[in-house]
């Protein structure tokens, strides 16, 4: 095993638990999906890192790849028809942290998030699904707390429009 492979193996050991935890939050309880995405993320990492070496922040790189894989998964998957629930009720469920209470709502929200611009989806995921505080998000994104609040508001509006499109526009 070469020095590069040993370094990759060390990064794997240091990041696998955190990566799996982050991925599993985006899988709505689907353990097989979380395992598949984590494995595919690491396969891509090994291929890329053998050529270029690991990045300075490997967990950030891995998280981005995993997020993109999950977004592709949710985009391809057709959401369940939620005839008894309005887009406003779904957004309200997201706002109060109850979107995961219903597998159908969670899948519909994931499908809509996958259709949003990446930065907006990441903000909504960080705040609503990872339960990060505005201050934490501001620090991570390198913007002010006020900017986070404004971007979250606009992202929620865009999410509502996507949900209306997915769910047939009835409110």
Protein backbone atom coordinates (compact mmCIF):
# COMPACT_ATOMS: atom_id res chain seq x y z
CA UNK A 1 0.00 0.00 0.00
CA UNK A 2 1.44 3.33 -1.06
CA UNK A 3 1.74 6.45 1.05
CA UNK A 4 -1.22 8.00 -0.78
CA UNK A 5 -3.44 4.99 -0.05
CA UNK A 6 -2.41 5.04 3.62
CA UNK A 7 -3.37 8.71 3.81
CA UNK A 8 -6.74 8.00 2.16
CA UNK A 9 -7.31 5.14 4.61
CA UNK A 10 -6.52 7.46 7.53
CA UNK A 11 -9.00 10.05 6.21
CA UNK A 12 -11.59 7.28 5.83
CA UNK A 13 -11.18 6.27 9.46
CA UNK A 14 -11.43 9.88 10.61
CA UNK A 15 -14.52 10.78 8.56
CA UNK A 16 -16.67 7.71 7.91
CA UNK A 17 -18.87 8.03 11.02
CA UNK A 18 -19.53 11.75 10.52
CA UNK A 19 -20.24 11.23 6.81
CA UNK A 20 -22.67 8.36 7.44
CA UNK A 21 -24.46 10.42 10.11
CA UNK A 22 -24.89 13.36 7.70
CA UNK A 23 -26.00 11.14 4.85
CA UNK A 24 -28.49 9.22 6.98
CA UNK A 25 -30.23 12.47 7.95
CA UNK A 26 -31.00 13.02 4.27
CA UNK A 27 -32.37 9.52 3.72
CA UNK A 28 -35.48 9.70 5.90
CA UNK A 29 -34.79 6.44 7.67
CA UNK A 30 -33.79 4.46 4.57
CA UNK A 31 -30.69 2.71 5.91
CA UNK A 32 -29.92 0.94 2.61
CA UNK A 33 -29.97 4.29 0.78
CA UNK A 34 -27.67 5.84 3.42
CA UNK A 35 -25.23 2.96 3.08
CA UNK A 36 -25.32 3.09 -0.74
CA UNK A 37 -24.73 6.86 -0.84
CA UNK A 38 -21.91 6.66 1.71
CA UNK A 39 -20.26 3.84 -0.24
CA UNK A 40 -20.63 5.62 -3.61
CA UNK A 41 -19.25 8.82 -2.09
CA UNK A 42 -16.16 6.97 -0.88
CA UNK A 43 -15.69 5.19 -4.21
CA UNK A 44 -15.65 8.58 -5.92
CA UNK A 45 -13.27 9.94 -3.28
CA UNK A 46 -10.77 7.11 -3.74
CA UNK A 47 -10.84 7.53 -7.53
CA UNK A 48 -10.37 11.29 -7.36
CA UNK A 49 -7.93 11.36 -4.46
CA UNK A 50 -5.60 8.76 -5.97
CA UNK A 51 -5.10 11.16 -8.87
CA UNK A 52 -5.05 14.48 -7.01
CA UNK A 53 -4.63 13.62 -3.34
CA UNK A 54 -7.20 14.34 -0.61
CA UNK A 55 -8.44 17.95 -0.35
CA UNK A 56 -7.63 20.20 2.60
CA UNK A 57 -11.10 19.61 4.05
CA UNK A 58 -11.99 16.03 3.13
CA UNK A 59 -15.24 15.89 5.13
CA UNK A 60 -16.55 18.98 3.33
CA UNK A 61 -15.63 17.38 -0.02
CA UNK A 62 -17.32 14.11 0.96
CA UNK A 63 -20.42 15.90 2.25
CA UNK A 64 -20.78 17.84 -1.00
CA UNK A 65 -20.50 14.68 -3.11
CA UNK A 66 -23.00 12.87 -0.87
CA UNK A 67 -25.42 15.80 -0.99
CA UNK A 68 -25.25 15.81 -4.80
CA UNK A 69 -25.84 12.04 -4.94
CA UNK A 70 -28.87 12.38 -2.66
CA UNK A 71 -30.22 15.31 -4.67
CA UNK A 72 -29.97 13.20 -7.83
CA UNK A 73 -31.74 10.34 -6.07
CA UNK A 74 -34.62 12.53 -4.87
CA UNK A 75 -34.94 14.28 -8.25
CA UNK A 76 -35.37 10.94 -10.03
CA UNK A 77 -37.90 9.65 -7.54
CA UNK A 78 -41.50 10.65 -8.08
CA UNK A 79 -43.11 12.13 -4.99
CA UNK A 80 -46.21 10.61 -3.47
CA UNK A 81 -49.49 12.41 -4.19
CA UNK A 82 -50.59 14.15 -1.03
CA UNK A 83 -54.21 14.90 -1.89
CA UNK A 84 -55.24 15.59 1.70
CA UNK A 85 -52.39 18.02 2.42
CA UNK A 86 -51.74 21.46 0.91
CA UNK A 87 -48.29 22.84 0.00
CA UNK A 88 -48.73 25.37 2.81
CA UNK A 89 -49.25 22.56 5.31
CA UNK A 90 -46.12 20.81 4.04
CA UNK A 91 -44.06 24.01 4.38
CA UNK A 92 -45.52 24.50 7.86
CA UNK A 93 -44.44 20.95 8.74
CA UNK A 94 -40.91 21.83 7.59
CA UNK A 95 -40.93 25.08 9.57
CA UNK A 96 -41.83 23.38 12.85
CA UNK A 97 -39.50 20.41 12.31
CA UNK A 98 -42.29 17.88 11.71
CA UNK A 99 -41.60 16.98 8.05
CA UNK A 100 -40.01 13.71 9.13
CA UNK A 101 -43.14 12.64 11.00
CA UNK A 102 -44.66 11.51 7.72
CA UNK A 103 -42.66 9.49 5.18
CA UNK A 104 -44.83 10.88 2.37
CA UNK A 105 -44.28 14.49 3.39
CA UNK A 106 -40.54 13.91 3.92
CA UNK A 107 -40.19 12.35 0.45
CA UNK A 108 -42.13 15.20 -1.16
CA UNK A 109 -40.00 17.79 0.64
CA UNK A 110 -36.78 16.00 -0.41
CA UNK A 111 -38.00 15.94 -4.01
CA UNK A 112 -38.75 19.69 -3.88
CA UNK A 113 -35.40 20.46 -2.20
CA UNK A 114 -33.61 18.61 -5.00
CA UNK A 115 -35.22 21.03 -7.46
CA UNK A 116 -33.97 24.14 -5.61
CA UNK A 117 -30.64 25.82 -6.27
CA UNK A 118 -27.96 24.03 -4.24
CA UNK A 119 -27.26 26.98 -1.91
CA UNK A 120 -30.94 27.35 -0.99
CA UNK A 121 -31.36 23.62 -0.43
CA UNK A 122 -28.25 23.53 1.77
CA UNK A 123 -29.57 26.40 3.91
CA UNK A 124 -32.96 24.76 4.40
CA UNK A 125 -31.39 21.39 5.16
CA UNK A 126 -28.97 22.91 7.68
CA UNK A 127 -31.70 24.84 9.49
CA UNK A 128 -34.66 22.46 9.33
CA UNK A 129 -33.19 18.98 9.03
CA UNK A 130 -29.81 19.33 10.76
CA UNK A 131 -31.31 21.77 13.29
CA UNK A 132 -28.39 24.18 13.15
CA UNK A 133 -28.86 27.61 14.68
CA UNK A 134 -28.77 30.71 12.48
CA UNK A 135 -25.44 31.70 14.07
CA UNK A 136 -23.90 28.32 13.13
CA UNK A 137 -25.14 28.60 9.56
CA UNK A 138 -23.82 32.16 9.30
CA UNK A 139 -20.39 31.01 10.42
CA UNK A 140 -20.38 28.02 8.05
CA UNK A 141 -21.48 30.08 5.05
CA UNK A 142 -19.36 33.11 5.97
CA UNK A 143 -22.32 35.52 5.97
CA UNK A 144 -24.17 37.54 8.61
CA UNK A 145 -27.03 36.15 10.65
CA UNK A 146 -29.34 38.69 9.05
CA UNK A 147 -28.30 37.46 5.60
CA UNK A 148 -29.03 33.86 6.68
CA UNK A 149 -32.51 34.88 7.85
CA UNK A 150 -33.24 36.64 4.54
CA UNK A 151 -31.92 33.75 2.49
CA UNK A 152 -33.92 31.27 4.54
CA UNK A 153 -37.08 33.32 3.95
CA UNK A 154 -36.46 33.38 0.18
CA UNK A 155 -35.57 29.68 0.15
CA UNK A 156 -38.82 28.84 1.97
CA UNK A 157 -40.76 30.85 -0.64
CA UNK A 158 -39.02 28.97 -3.43
CA UNK A 159 -39.67 25.67 -1.63
CA UNK A 160 -43.36 26.56 -1.37
CA UNK A 161 -43.48 27.26 -5.15
CA UNK A 162 -41.78 23.92 -5.88
CA UNK A 163 -44.19 22.10 -3.58
CA UNK A 164 -47.14 23.80 -5.29
CA UNK A 165 -45.75 22.69 -8.65
CA UNK A 166 -45.21 19.12 -7.45
CA UNK A 167 -48.54 18.89 -5.65
CA UNK A 168 -50.64 20.46 -8.37
CA UNK A 169 -50.82 24.06 -7.16
CA UNK A 170 -53.94 23.66 -5.01
CA UNK A 171 -53.94 25.49 -1.71
